[in-house]
Amino acid sequence: MRAVLARDPDYWGADLADGGPFLDQIVINFLDSPGAAITALRQGEAQMTSPPPDPALIARAAAIDGVEVQSVPSLFFEHMILNTAAAPLDDPQVRQALAYAIDREQIVDVLLDGSVPVLQSVVRPAQLGYAPAFDGYAHDPERAIGLLEEAGWTRGDDGIFEKDGRELRIPVAYSSESELRRLTARLMVQQAAAAGIRIVPTPISSDRLYGSALNQGDFTAAMAACGGGGDPSLTGLLASDEIPTEENAFLGQNVYR
């Protein structure tokens, strides 16, 4: 799949001092994975790409003759989407426990070489109204355990909490093409287990994840990137009328529900 942006012959700024537009077209190719984009760059099939902050990918790009790697702050971020309508994440105490069980600092340090900051809000530091709302959820497995015990969960012989005959099991979907998310999921399995939570990594194709699973609520938790413009409004992400439904043809952005 590709998008071709053609030169506008009626561009309003053509008569200004610098003139323009300066390119006849820009071609954006949508490839299967970030790794495929780096390969296209190496083979001369692409002139630029914007990979995730994966040290392995960035090292591959930096090794290509003539390629300059730049690292700048972005309005995109990696996060875990929690389906608050799906058990066991329909319980606020389970969601809080999961937040305390995951060590985000360790994920950044181990998998990203400390190259990016830990996200503390869906509003990014460069945006108006930023406040580090998430810094209250520092890694604290003991607090996670306490919350689950308050909610009536008890630890089984294998150390995983259970309640009403079911274990505390959270499938986490991610795009099967992403090596970084695979490694992230594997690390979160270890972190969550220390707090009695079983995370089950669930790789699925990007087509399925973004084409149906998120919009139709066919998931419990998922890892994905999110971003947007400089406007710090969260209406598109969190408004109730943005929940994907038949009425909006499942096109709403509030997949958190």
C-alpha atoms as a PDB file:
ATOM      1  CA  MET A   1       0.000   0.000   0.000  1.00  0.00           C
ATOM      2  CA  ARG A   2       1.218   3.494  -0.748  1.00  0.00           C
ATOM      3  CA  ALA A   3       0.097   7.107  -0.655  1.00  0.00           C
ATOM      4  CA  VAL A   4       1.248   9.554  -3.327  1.00  0.00           C
ATOM      5  CA  LEU A   5       1.196  13.268  -2.522  1.00  0.00           C
ATOM      6  CA  ALA A   6       1.291  15.239  -5.793  1.00  0.00           C
ATOM      7  CA  ARG A   7       2.560  18.775  -6.363  1.00  0.00           C
ATOM      8  CA  ASP A   8      -0.251  21.345  -6.144  1.00  0.00           C
ATOM      9  CA  PRO A   9      -0.037  23.650  -9.170  1.00  0.00           C
ATOM     10  CA  ASP A  10      -2.220  26.178  -7.351  1.00  0.00           C
ATOM     11  CA  TYR A  11      -0.141  26.239  -4.147  1.00  0.00           C
ATOM     12  CA  TRP A  12      -0.834  29.556  -2.439  1.00  0.00           C
ATOM     13  CA  GLY A  13       2.801  30.211  -1.491  1.00  0.00           C
ATOM     14  CA  ALA A  14       4.294  29.821  -4.965  1.00  0.00           C
ATOM     15  CA  ASP A  15       4.723  33.588  -5.375  1.00  0.00           C
ATOM     16  CA  LEU A  16       6.432  34.139  -2.027  1.00  0.00           C
ATOM     17  CA  ALA A  17      10.160  34.836  -1.790  1.00  0.00           C
ATOM     18  CA  ASP A  18      11.185  31.202  -1.413  1.00  0.00           C
ATOM     19  CA  GLY A  19       8.692  29.914  -3.961  1.00  0.00           C
ATOM     20  CA  GLY A  20       7.606  26.285  -3.904  1.00  0.00           C
ATOM     21  CA  PRO A  21       6.463  23.620  -3.834  1.00  0.00           C
ATOM     22  CA  PHE A  22       9.904  22.175  -4.466  1.00  0.00           C
ATOM     23  CA  LEU A  23       9.008  18.507  -5.101  1.00  0.00           C
ATOM     24  CA  ASP A  24       6.794  17.015  -7.763  1.00  0.00           C
ATOM     25  CA  GLN A  25       5.585  14.279  -5.418  1.00  0.00           C
ATOM     26  CA  ILE A  26       6.174  12.462  -2.149  1.00  0.00           C
ATOM     27  CA  VAL A  27       5.554   8.715  -2.078  1.00  0.00           C
ATOM     28  CA  ILE A  28       4.787   7.085   1.276  1.00  0.00           C
ATOM     29  CA  ASN A  29       5.073   3.294   1.265  1.00  0.00           C
ATOM     30  CA  PHE A  30       3.391   1.325   4.047  1.00  0.00           C
ATOM     31  CA  LEU A  31       5.550  -1.743   4.697  1.00  0.00           C
ATOM     32  CA  ASP A  32       5.030  -4.809   6.855  1.00  0.00           C
ATOM     33  CA  SER A  33       7.416  -3.861   9.654  1.00  0.00           C
ATOM     34  CA  PRO A  34      10.015  -1.322  10.787  1.00  0.00           C
ATOM     35  CA  GLY A  35      12.680  -3.843   9.802  1.00  0.00           C
ATOM     36  CA  ALA A  36      11.338  -3.895   6.258  1.00  0.00           C
ATOM     37  CA  ALA A  37      11.587  -0.103   6.163  1.00  0.00           C
ATOM     38  CA  ILE A  38      15.268  -0.230   7.157  1.00  0.00           C
ATOM     39  CA  THR A  39      15.873  -2.831   4.433  1.00  0.00           C
ATOM     40  CA  ALA A  40      14.201  -0.548   1.866  1.00  0.00           C
ATOM     41  CA  LEU A  41      16.456   2.280   3.009  1.00  0.00           C
ATOM     42  CA  ARG A  42      19.564   0.117   2.628  1.00  0.00           C
ATOM     43  CA  GLN A  43      18.517  -1.059  -0.842  1.00  0.00           C
ATOM     44  CA  GLY A  44      17.852   2.479  -2.064  1.00  0.00           C
ATOM     45  CA  GLU A  45      14.097   1.934  -2.299  1.00  0.00           C
ATOM     46  CA  ALA A  46      13.430   4.622   0.339  1.00  0.00           C
ATOM     47  CA  GLN A  47      15.068   7.944   1.151  1.00  0.00           C
ATOM     48  CA  MET A  48      13.918   8.241   4.739  1.00  0.00           C
ATOM     49  CA  THR A  49      12.036   6.337   7.413  1.00  0.00           C
ATOM     50  CA  SER A  50      10.857   6.935  10.967  1.00  0.00           C
ATOM     51  CA  PRO A  51      11.422   3.771  13.022  1.00  0.00           C
ATOM     52  CA  PRO A  52      10.445   3.252  16.655  1.00  0.00           C
ATOM     53  CA  PRO A  53      13.194   3.895  19.232  1.00  0.00           C
ATOM     54  CA  ASP A  54      14.509   0.342  18.913  1.00  0.00           C
ATOM     55  CA  PRO A  55      18.314   0.396  19.419  1.00  0.00           C
ATOM     56  CA  ALA A  56      18.775  -2.582  17.070  1.00  0.00           C
ATOM     57  CA  LEU A  57      16.890  -0.862  14.244  1.00  0.00           C
ATOM     58  CA  ILE A  58      18.666   2.435  14.797  1.00  0.00           C
ATOM     59  CA  ALA A  59      22.051   0.675  14.706  1.00  0.00           C
ATOM     60  CA  ARG A  60      21.104  -0.976  11.404  1.00  0.00           C
ATOM     61  CA  ALA A  61      20.117   2.383   9.945  1.00  0.00           C
ATOM     62  CA  ALA A  62      23.289   4.083  11.175  1.00  0.00           C
ATOM     63  CA  ALA A  63      25.400   1.414   9.454  1.00  0.00           C
ATOM     64  CA  ILE A  64      24.012   2.301   6.008  1.00  0.00           C
ATOM     65  CA  ASP A  65      26.381   4.449   3.947  1.00  0.00           C
ATOM     66  CA  GLY A  66      25.084   7.956   3.445  1.00  0.00           C
ATOM     67  CA  VAL A  67      22.340   7.690   6.079  1.00  0.00           C
ATOM     68  CA  GLU A  68      22.160  10.252   8.881  1.00  0.00           C
ATOM     69  CA  VAL A  69      20.257   9.196  12.003  1.00  0.00           C
ATOM     70  CA  GLN A  70      18.502  11.907  13.990  1.00  0.00           C
ATOM     71  CA  SER A  71      16.782  11.441  17.332  1.00  0.00           C
ATOM     72  CA  VAL A  72      14.207  14.091  18.274  1.00  0.00           C
ATOM     73  CA  PRO A  73      11.212  14.253  20.646  1.00  0.00           C
ATOM     74  CA  SER A  74       8.006  12.934  19.130  1.00  0.00           C
ATOM     75  CA  LEU A  75       4.287  13.257  19.776  1.00  0.00           C
ATOM     76  CA  PHE A  76       3.952   9.500  19.279  1.00  0.00           C
ATOM     77  CA  PHE A  77       4.218   7.134  22.217  1.00  0.00           C
ATOM     78  CA  GLU A  78       4.130   3.420  22.959  1.00  0.00           C
ATOM     79  CA  HIS A  79       1.573   2.284  25.494  1.00  0.00           C
ATOM     80  CA  MET A  80      -0.660  -0.542  26.616  1.00  0.00           C
ATOM     81  CA  ILE A  81      -4.344  -0.258  25.757  1.00  0.00           C
ATOM     82  CA  LEU A  82      -6.614  -1.699  28.438  1.00  0.00           C
ATOM     83  CA  ASN A  83     -10.105  -2.791  27.438  1.00  0.00           C
ATOM     84  CA  THR A  84     -12.050  -1.675  30.498  1.00  0.00           C
ATOM     85  CA  ALA A  85     -15.113  -3.594  29.300  1.00  0.00           C
ATOM     86  CA  ALA A  86     -13.311  -6.967  29.325  1.00  0.00           C
ATOM     87  CA  ALA A  87     -12.675  -9.113  32.399  1.00  0.00           C
ATOM     88  CA  PRO A  88     -10.539  -8.998  34.452  1.00  0.00           C
ATOM     89  CA  LEU A  89      -9.695  -5.394  33.460  1.00  0.00           C
ATOM     90  CA  ASP A  90     -13.282  -4.304  34.079  1.00  0.00           C
ATOM     91  CA  ASP A  91     -12.204  -4.189  37.744  1.00  0.00           C
ATOM     92  CA  PRO A  92     -10.447  -0.858  38.535  1.00  0.00           C
ATOM     93  CA  GLN A  93      -8.334  -2.507  41.253  1.00  0.00           C
ATOM     94  CA  VAL A  94      -6.996  -5.037  38.763  1.00  0.00           C
ATOM     95  CA  ARG A  95      -6.062  -2.201  36.399  1.00  0.00           C
ATOM     96  CA  GLN A  96      -4.328  -0.358  39.217  1.00  0.00           C
ATOM     97  CA  ALA A  97      -2.500  -3.513  40.290  1.00  0.00           C
ATOM     98  CA  LEU A  98      -1.269  -4.058  36.747  1.00  0.00           C
ATOM     99  CA  ALA A  99       0.032  -0.480  36.636  1.00  0.00           C
ATOM    100  CA  TYR A 100       2.026  -1.029  39.825  1.00  0.00           C
ATOM    101  CA  ALA A 101       3.277  -4.443  38.663  1.00  0.00           C
ATOM    102  CA  ILE A 102       4.854  -3.202  35.422  1.00  0.00           C
ATOM    103  CA  ASP A 103       8.322  -1.654  35.756  1.00  0.00           C
ATOM    104  CA  ARG A 104       8.371   0.896  32.937  1.00  0.00           C
ATOM    105  CA  GLU A 105      11.806   2.174  33.904  1.00  0.00           C
ATOM    106  CA  GLN A 106      13.240  -1.315  33.434  1.00  0.00           C
ATOM    107  CA  ILE A 107      11.599  -1.641  30.016  1.00  0.00           C
ATOM    108  CA  VAL A 108      13.184   1.627  28.875  1.00  0.00           C
ATOM    109  CA  ASP A 109      16.596   0.817  30.367  1.00  0.00           C
ATOM    110  CA  VAL A 110      16.815  -2.810  29.197  1.00  0.00           C
ATOM    111  CA  LEU A 111      15.107  -2.714  25.811  1.00  0.00           C
ATOM    112  CA  LEU A 112      15.663   0.885  24.715  1.00  0.00           C
ATOM    113  CA  ASP A 113      19.064   1.560  26.287  1.00  0.00           C
ATOM    114  CA  GLY A 114      17.499   4.424  28.240  1.00  0.00           C
ATOM    115  CA  SER A 115      17.169   6.383  24.999  1.00  0.00           C
ATOM    116  CA  VAL A 116      13.632   7.656  25.666  1.00  0.00           C
ATOM    117  CA  PRO A 117      11.864   9.000  28.768  1.00  0.00           C
ATOM    118  CA  VAL A 118       9.205   7.022  30.596  1.00  0.00           C
ATOM    119  CA  LEU A 119       5.805   8.387  29.635  1.00  0.00           C
ATOM    120  CA  GLN A 120       3.972  10.054  32.528  1.00  0.00           C
ATOM    121  CA  SER A 121       0.911  11.337  30.654  1.00  0.00           C
ATOM    122  CA  VAL A 122      -0.856  10.917  27.331  1.00  0.00           C
ATOM    123  CA  VAL A 123      -0.220  14.657  26.984  1.00  0.00           C
ATOM    124  CA  ARG A 124       3.445  14.931  26.074  1.00  0.00           C
ATOM    125  CA  PRO A 125       5.890  17.297  27.837  1.00  0.00           C
ATOM    126  CA  ALA A 126       6.046  19.630  24.814  1.00  0.00           C
ATOM    127  CA  GLN A 127       2.282  20.185  24.846  1.00  0.00           C
ATOM    128  CA  LEU A 128       0.248  22.776  26.695  1.00  0.00           C
ATOM    129  CA  GLY A 129      -1.300  21.439  29.897  1.00  0.00           C
ATOM    130  CA  TYR A 130       1.201  18.650  30.498  1.00  0.00           C
ATOM    131  CA  ALA A 131       1.194  17.208  34.005  1.00  0.00           C
ATOM    132  CA  PRO A 132       3.000  13.985  35.035  1.00  0.00           C
ATOM    133  CA  ALA A 133      -0.199  12.239  36.085  1.00  0.00           C
ATOM    134  CA  PHE A 134       1.217   8.711  35.807  1.00  0.00           C
ATOM    135  CA  ASP A 135       4.229   9.178  38.057  1.00  0.00           C
ATOM    136  CA  GLY A 136       2.090   8.023  40.971  1.00  0.00           C
ATOM    137  CA  TYR A 137       2.231   4.537  39.468  1.00  0.00           C
ATOM    138  CA  ALA A 138       5.870   3.767  40.102  1.00  0.00           C
ATOM    139  CA  HIS A 139       6.864   0.095  40.164  1.00  0.00           C
ATOM    140  CA  ASP A 140       5.504  -1.336  43.420  1.00  0.00           C
ATOM    141  CA  PRO A 141       4.622  -5.056  43.263  1.00  0.00           C
ATOM    142  CA  GLU A 142       3.763  -5.181  46.958  1.00  0.00           C
ATOM    143  CA  ARG A 143       1.140  -2.500  46.482  1.00  0.00           C
ATOM    144  CA  ALA A 144      -0.206  -4.433  43.506  1.00  0.00           C
ATOM    145  CA  ILE A 145      -0.528  -7.529  45.683  1.00  0.00           C
ATOM    146  CA  GLY A 146      -2.328  -5.542  48.376  1.00  0.00           C
ATOM    147  CA  LEU A 147      -4.858  -4.155  45.897  1.00  0.00           C
ATOM    148  CA  LEU A 148      -5.639  -7.617  44.554  1.00  0.00           C
ATOM    149  CA  GLU A 149      -6.083  -9.048  48.023  1.00  0.00           C
ATOM    150  CA  GLU A 150      -8.461  -6.192  48.854  1.00  0.00           C
ATOM    151  CA  ALA A 151     -10.445  -7.074  45.728  1.00  0.00           C
ATOM    152  CA  GLY A 152     -10.897 -10.666  46.920  1.00  0.00           C
ATOM    153  CA  TRP A 153      -8.192 -12.400  44.903  1.00  0.00           C
ATOM    154  CA  THR A 154      -6.104 -15.137  46.565  1.00  0.00           C
ATOM    155  CA  ARG A 155      -2.766 -16.556  45.425  1.00  0.00           C
ATOM    156  CA  GLY A 156      -2.693 -20.078  44.091  1.00  0.00           C
ATOM    157  CA  ASP A 157       0.047 -22.656  44.567  1.00  0.00           C
ATOM    158  CA  ASP A 158       1.861 -21.302  41.499  1.00  0.00           C
ATOM    159  CA  GLY A 159       1.861 -17.757  42.902  1.00  0.00           C
ATOM    160  CA  ILE A 160      -0.774 -16.455  40.474  1.00  0.00           C
ATOM    161  CA  PHE A 161      -3.890 -14.874  41.936  1.00  0.00           C
ATOM    162  CA  GLU A 162      -7.271 -16.503  41.374  1.00  0.00           C
ATOM    163  CA  LYS A 163     -10.869 -15.682  42.150  1.00  0.00           C
ATOM    164  CA  ASP A 164     -14.125 -17.565  41.676  1.00  0.00           C
ATOM    165  CA  GLY A 165     -12.297 -20.455  40.061  1.00  0.00           C
ATOM    166  CA  ARG A 166     -10.374 -18.418  37.457  1.00  0.00           C
ATOM    167  CA  GLU A 167      -6.794 -17.214  37.539  1.00  0.00           C
ATOM    168  CA  LEU A 168      -5.770 -13.605  37.047  1.00  0.00           C
ATOM    169  CA  ARG A 169      -4.853 -13.964  33.391  1.00  0.00           C
ATOM    170  CA  ILE A 170      -4.403 -11.005  31.017  1.00  0.00           C
ATOM    171  CA  PRO A 171      -3.771 -11.712  27.327  1.00  0.00           C
ATOM    172  CA  VAL A 172      -1.724  -8.880  25.792  1.00  0.00           C
ATOM    173  CA  ALA A 173      -2.033  -8.595  22.013  1.00  0.00           C
ATOM    174  CA  TYR A 174       0.651  -7.022  19.858  1.00  0.00           C
ATOM    175  CA  SER A 175       1.542  -6.938  16.184  1.00  0.00           C
ATOM    176  CA  SER A 176       3.408 -10.115  15.304  1.00  0.00           C
ATOM    177  CA  GLU A 177       5.729  -8.112  13.046  1.00  0.00           C
ATOM    178  CA  SER A 178       7.171  -6.112  15.963  1.00  0.00           C
ATOM    179  CA  GLU A 179      10.260  -7.625  17.579  1.00  0.00           C
ATOM    180  CA  LEU A 180      10.434  -4.799  20.137  1.00  0.00           C
ATOM    181  CA  ARG A 181       6.899  -5.442  21.361  1.00  0.00           C
ATOM    182  CA  ARG A 182       7.611  -9.172  21.528  1.00  0.00           C
ATOM    183  CA  LEU A 183      10.560  -8.495  23.817  1.00  0.00           C
ATOM    184  CA  THR A 184       8.524  -5.998  25.831  1.00  0.00           C
ATOM    185  CA  ALA A 185       5.766  -8.544  26.364  1.00  0.00           C
ATOM    186  CA  ARG A 186       8.276 -11.161  27.479  1.00  0.00           C
ATOM    187  CA  LEU A 187       9.761  -8.778  30.050  1.00  0.00           C
ATOM    188  CA  MET A 188       6.305  -7.794  31.322  1.00  0.00           C
ATOM    189  CA  VAL A 189       5.493 -11.482  31.865  1.00  0.00           C
ATOM    190  CA  GLN A 190       8.315 -11.663  34.410  1.00  0.00           C
ATOM    191  CA  GLN A 191       7.404  -8.366  36.069  1.00  0.00           C
ATOM    192  CA  ALA A 192       3.700  -9.153  36.421  1.00  0.00           C
ATOM    193  CA  ALA A 193       4.326 -12.673  37.722  1.00  0.00           C
ATOM    194  CA  ALA A 194       6.130 -11.192  40.736  1.00  0.00           C
ATOM    195  CA  ALA A 195       2.818  -9.539  41.654  1.00  0.00           C
ATOM    196  CA  GLY A 196       0.740 -12.661  41.009  1.00  0.00           C
ATOM    197  CA  ILE A 197      -0.558 -11.622  37.574  1.00  0.00           C
ATOM    198  CA  ARG A 198      -0.234 -13.874  34.538  1.00  0.00           C
ATOM    199  CA  ILE A 199       0.363 -11.944  31.332  1.00  0.00           C
ATOM    200  CA  VAL A 200      -0.104 -14.004  28.171  1.00  0.00           C
ATOM    201  CA  PRO A 201       1.698 -12.535  25.116  1.00  0.00           C
ATOM    202  CA  THR A 202      -0.623 -12.829  22.108  1.00  0.00           C
ATOM    203  CA  PRO A 203       0.972 -11.949  18.760  1.00  0.00           C
ATOM    204  CA  ILE A 204      -1.504 -11.258  15.939  1.00  0.00           C
ATOM    205  CA  SER A 205      -1.132  -9.696  12.521  1.00  0.00           C
ATOM    206  CA  SER A 206      -1.233  -5.916  12.227  1.00  0.00           C
ATOM    207  CA  ASP A 207      -4.135  -6.245   9.801  1.00  0.00           C
ATOM    208  CA  ARG A 208      -6.199  -8.021  12.422  1.00  0.00           C
ATOM    209  CA  LEU A 209      -5.065  -5.895  15.370  1.00  0.00           C
ATOM    210  CA  TYR A 210      -5.744  -2.527  13.763  1.00  0.00           C
ATOM    211  CA  GLY A 211      -8.362  -3.663  11.289  1.00  0.00           C
ATOM    212  CA  SER A 212     -10.800  -5.351  13.655  1.00  0.00           C
ATOM    213  CA  ALA A 213      -9.590  -6.393  17.119  1.00  0.00           C
ATOM    214  CA  LEU A 214      -9.160  -2.926  18.629  1.00  0.00           C
ATOM    215  CA  ASN A 215     -12.238  -1.360  17.061  1.00  0.00           C
ATOM    216  CA  GLN A 216     -14.545  -4.284  17.810  1.00  0.00           C
ATOM    217  CA  GLY A 217     -13.241  -4.811  21.348  1.00  0.00           C
ATOM    218  CA  ASP A 218     -11.916  -8.282  20.566  1.00  0.00           C
ATOM    219  CA  PHE A 219      -8.999  -8.009  22.992  1.00  0.00           C
ATOM    220  CA  THR A 220      -8.226  -7.677  26.694  1.00  0.00           C
ATOM    221  CA  ALA A 221      -5.041  -5.617  26.517  1.00  0.00           C
ATOM    222  CA  ALA A 222      -2.866  -4.585  23.587  1.00  0.00           C
ATOM    223  CA  MET A 223       0.419  -2.812  22.917  1.00  0.00           C
ATOM    224  CA  ALA A 224       0.358  -0.122  20.252  1.00  0.00           C
ATOM    225  CA  ALA A 225       1.681   3.309  19.387  1.00  0.00           C
ATOM    226  CA  CYS A 226      -0.457   6.422  19.507  1.00  0.00           C
ATOM    227  CA  GLY A 227       0.105   9.997  18.450  1.00  0.00           C
ATOM    228  CA  GLY A 228      -1.368  13.066  16.871  1.00  0.00           C
ATOM    229  CA  GLY A 229      -0.927  16.773  16.355  1.00  0.00           C
ATOM    230  CA  GLY A 230       0.203  19.435  18.758  1.00  0.00           C
ATOM    231  CA  ASP A 231      -3.318  20.054  20.076  1.00  0.00           C
ATOM    232  CA  PRO A 232      -3.360  18.506  23.576  1.00  0.00           C
ATOM    233  CA  SER A 233      -7.097  17.738  23.471  1.00  0.00           C
ATOM    234  CA  LEU A 234      -7.909  14.142  24.468  1.00  0.00           C
ATOM    235  CA  THR A 235     -11.481  14.230  23.184  1.00  0.00           C
ATOM    236  CA  GLY A 236     -10.720  12.006  20.215  1.00  0.00           C
ATOM    237  CA  LEU A 237      -9.138   9.365  22.428  1.00  0.00           C
ATOM    238  CA  LEU A 238     -11.399   9.323  25.466  1.00  0.00           C
ATOM    239  CA  ALA A 239     -14.831  10.756  24.586  1.00  0.00           C
ATOM    240  CA  SER A 240     -17.710   8.323  25.069  1.00  0.00           C
ATOM    241  CA  ASP A 241     -19.074   9.024  21.588  1.00  0.00           C
ATOM    242  CA  GLU A 242     -15.687   7.968  20.183  1.00  0.00           C
ATOM    243  CA  ILE A 243     -16.111   4.378  21.430  1.00  0.00           C
ATOM    244  CA  PRO A 244     -16.292   2.223  18.258  1.00  0.00           C
ATOM    245  CA  THR A 245     -19.880   1.097  17.697  1.00  0.00           C
ATOM    246  CA  GLU A 246     -22.158   0.170  14.814  1.00  0.00           C
ATOM    247  CA  GLU A 247     -23.476   3.745  14.887  1.00  0.00           C
ATOM    248  CA  ASN A 248     -20.065   5.177  13.952  1.00  0.00           C
ATOM    249  CA  ALA A 249     -19.143   2.198  11.737  1.00  0.00           C
ATOM    250  CA  PHE A 250     -16.569   1.107  14.360  1.00  0.00           C
ATOM    251  CA  LEU A 251     -14.370   4.071  13.422  1.00  0.00           C
ATOM    252  CA  GLY A 252     -14.219   5.749  16.852  1.00  0.00           C
ATOM    253  CA  GLN A 253     -10.783   6.195  18.400  1.00  0.00           C
ATOM    254  CA  ASN A 254     -11.691   5.397  22.011  1.00  0.00           C
ATOM    255  CA  VAL A 255     -10.708   1.728  21.930  1.00  0.00           C
ATOM    256  CA  TYR A 256     -10.145   1.878  25.706  1.00  0.00           C
ATOM    257  CA  ARG A 257     -13.922   1.948  26.223  1.00  0.00           C
END
